[in-house]
Amino acid sequence: MRRQNHSEEVLFSRLGDEGVTLHLKTGVYYSLNETATPIWEMISNLSEEQMAHRLVEDYEVDFDRALQSVKSFLESTPFGSCKFDVASGL
């Protein structure tokens, strides 16, 4: 089970159903849509599979689609390796 942690170099703020991230070193910010925002908020606490299960509960999608959404988000993060630090052993 692999979990991700937010980088201390990235700030996040929720704006309604969406969110905004700001990379402190580069000054680059990105908006997160209503699906990406809850994934961002779950990253530090849940594994990819646990995040997918939560999306299934919240959005009534099937597990495979939810897991693909989580993996796609994590693989396409706009900050690359600066956005997440992988925590091992959890």
C-alpha atoms as a PDB file:
ATOM      1  CA  MET A   1       0.000   0.000   0.000  1.00  0.00           C
ATOM      2  CA  ARG A   2       1.541   3.274  -1.125  1.00  0.00           C
ATOM      3  CA  ARG A   3       0.620   6.633   0.331  1.00  0.00           C
ATOM      4  CA  GLN A   4       1.551  10.101  -0.820  1.00  0.00           C
ATOM      5  CA  ASN A   5       2.296  13.207   1.218  1.00  0.00           C
ATOM      6  CA  HIS A   6       1.930  16.824   0.207  1.00  0.00           C
ATOM      7  CA  SER A   7       5.155  18.682  -0.323  1.00  0.00           C
ATOM      8  CA  GLU A   8       5.779  21.508   2.124  1.00  0.00           C
ATOM      9  CA  GLU A   9       6.547  23.653  -0.937  1.00  0.00           C
ATOM     10  CA  VAL A  10       2.900  23.578  -2.074  1.00  0.00           C
ATOM     11  CA  LEU A  11       0.002  25.433  -0.485  1.00  0.00           C
ATOM     12  CA  PHE A  12      -3.626  24.456  -1.058  1.00  0.00           C
ATOM     13  CA  SER A  13      -6.862  26.359  -0.586  1.00  0.00           C
ATOM     14  CA  ARG A  14     -10.401  25.111  -1.184  1.00  0.00           C
ATOM     15  CA  LEU A  15     -12.742  27.406  -3.094  1.00  0.00           C
ATOM     16  CA  GLY A  16     -16.219  25.884  -2.969  1.00  0.00           C
ATOM     17  CA  ASP A  17     -16.080  22.506  -4.733  1.00  0.00           C
ATOM     18  CA  GLU A  18     -12.740  23.319  -6.352  1.00  0.00           C
ATOM     19  CA  GLY A  19      -9.270  24.119  -5.065  1.00  0.00           C
ATOM     20  CA  VAL A  20      -6.082  26.003  -5.859  1.00  0.00           C
ATOM     21  CA  THR A  21      -2.487  24.945  -5.291  1.00  0.00           C
ATOM     22  CA  LEU A  22       0.506  27.288  -5.197  1.00  0.00           C
ATOM     23  CA  HIS A  23       4.113  26.149  -5.481  1.00  0.00           C
ATOM     24  CA  LEU A  24       6.035  28.455  -3.163  1.00  0.00           C
ATOM     25  CA  LYS A  25       9.411  28.215  -4.923  1.00  0.00           C
ATOM     26  CA  THR A  26       8.182  28.789  -8.464  1.00  0.00           C
ATOM     27  CA  GLY A  27       5.098  30.912  -7.808  1.00  0.00           C
ATOM     28  CA  VAL A  28       3.121  28.680 -10.173  1.00  0.00           C
ATOM     29  CA  TYR A  29      -0.463  27.915  -9.220  1.00  0.00           C
ATOM     30  CA  TYR A  30      -3.024  25.485 -10.566  1.00  0.00           C
ATOM     31  CA  SER A  31      -6.743  25.131 -10.110  1.00  0.00           C
ATOM     32  CA  LEU A  32      -8.175  21.728  -9.210  1.00  0.00           C
ATOM     33  CA  ASN A  33     -11.616  20.667 -10.406  1.00  0.00           C
ATOM     34  CA  GLU A  34     -14.312  19.115  -8.240  1.00  0.00           C
ATOM     35  CA  THR A  35     -12.831  15.609  -8.669  1.00  0.00           C
ATOM     36  CA  ALA A  36      -9.171  16.527  -8.155  1.00  0.00           C
ATOM     37  CA  THR A  37      -9.858  18.614  -5.043  1.00  0.00           C
ATOM     38  CA  PRO A  38     -11.022  15.744  -2.803  1.00  0.00           C
ATOM     39  CA  ILE A  39      -8.190  13.561  -4.111  1.00  0.00           C
ATOM     40  CA  TRP A  40      -5.730  16.292  -3.090  1.00  0.00           C
ATOM     41  CA  GLU A  41      -7.319  16.490   0.351  1.00  0.00           C
ATOM     42  CA  MET A  42      -7.051  12.693   0.854  1.00  0.00           C
ATOM     43  CA  ILE A  43      -3.459  12.233  -0.328  1.00  0.00           C
ATOM     44  CA  SER A  44      -1.726  12.390   3.058  1.00  0.00           C
ATOM     45  CA  ASN A  45      -4.174  10.096   4.823  1.00  0.00           C
ATOM     46  CA  LEU A  46      -5.165   7.372   2.385  1.00  0.00           C
ATOM     47  CA  SER A  47      -3.665   4.928  -0.102  1.00  0.00           C
ATOM     48  CA  GLU A  48      -4.653   5.066  -3.778  1.00  0.00           C
ATOM     49  CA  GLU A  49      -7.139   2.247  -3.215  1.00  0.00           C
ATOM     50  CA  GLN A  50      -8.639   3.924  -0.151  1.00  0.00           C
ATOM     51  CA  MET A  51      -9.027   7.179  -2.072  1.00  0.00           C
ATOM     52  CA  ALA A  52     -10.815   5.282  -4.851  1.00  0.00           C
ATOM     53  CA  HIS A  53     -13.192   3.683  -2.343  1.00  0.00           C
ATOM     54  CA  ARG A  54     -13.987   7.131  -0.933  1.00  0.00           C
ATOM     55  CA  LEU A  55     -14.723   8.449  -4.436  1.00  0.00           C
ATOM     56  CA  VAL A  56     -17.049   5.473  -5.029  1.00  0.00           C
ATOM     57  CA  GLU A  57     -18.967   6.411  -1.870  1.00  0.00           C
ATOM     58  CA  ASP A  58     -19.084  10.140  -2.610  1.00  0.00           C
ATOM     59  CA  TYR A  59     -19.673  10.142  -6.377  1.00  0.00           C
ATOM     60  CA  GLU A  60     -21.399   6.811  -7.065  1.00  0.00           C
ATOM     61  CA  VAL A  61     -18.862   5.692  -9.675  1.00  0.00           C
ATOM     62  CA  ASP A  62     -17.490   2.176 -10.006  1.00  0.00           C
ATOM     63  CA  PHE A  63     -14.230   1.311  -8.250  1.00  0.00           C
ATOM     64  CA  ASP A  64     -12.125   0.803 -11.391  1.00  0.00           C
ATOM     65  CA  ARG A  65     -13.084   4.207 -12.766  1.00  0.00           C
ATOM     66  CA  ALA A  66     -12.406   5.870  -9.401  1.00  0.00           C
ATOM     67  CA  LEU A  67      -9.012   4.176  -9.078  1.00  0.00           C
ATOM     68  CA  GLN A  68      -8.081   5.256 -12.603  1.00  0.00           C
ATOM     69  CA  SER A  69      -9.045   8.844 -11.730  1.00  0.00           C
ATOM     70  CA  VAL A  70      -6.818   8.754  -8.644  1.00  0.00           C
ATOM     71  CA  LYS A  71      -3.867   7.267 -10.545  1.00  0.00           C
ATOM     72  CA  SER A  72      -4.275   9.702 -13.436  1.00  0.00           C
ATOM     73  CA  PHE A  73      -4.298  12.642 -11.045  1.00  0.00           C
ATOM     74  CA  LEU A  74      -1.195  11.429  -9.199  1.00  0.00           C
ATOM     75  CA  GLU A  75       0.692  10.718 -12.444  1.00  0.00           C
ATOM     76  CA  SER A  76      -0.143  14.057 -14.027  1.00  0.00           C
ATOM     77  CA  THR A  77       0.499  16.402 -11.126  1.00  0.00           C
ATOM     78  CA  PRO A  78       1.627  19.747 -12.507  1.00  0.00           C
ATOM     79  CA  PHE A  79       4.420  20.140  -9.959  1.00  0.00           C
ATOM     80  CA  GLY A  80       6.092  16.831 -10.768  1.00  0.00           C
ATOM     81  CA  SER A  81       8.223  15.401  -7.963  1.00  0.00           C
ATOM     82  CA  CYS A  82       8.035  18.646  -5.975  1.00  0.00           C
ATOM     83  CA  LYS A  83       4.329  18.182  -5.373  1.00  0.00           C
ATOM     84  CA  PHE A  84       4.489  14.870  -3.564  1.00  0.00           C
ATOM     85  CA  ASP A  85       6.963  13.070  -1.372  1.00  0.00           C
ATOM     86  CA  VAL A  86       6.327   9.330  -1.237  1.00  0.00           C
ATOM     87  CA  ALA A  87       5.970   7.941   2.284  1.00  0.00           C
ATOM     88  CA  SER A  88       7.080   4.343   2.633  1.00  0.00           C
ATOM     89  CA  GLY A  89       6.048   1.623   5.004  1.00  0.00           C
ATOM     90  CA  LEU A  90       2.430   2.663   5.441  1.00  0.00           C
END
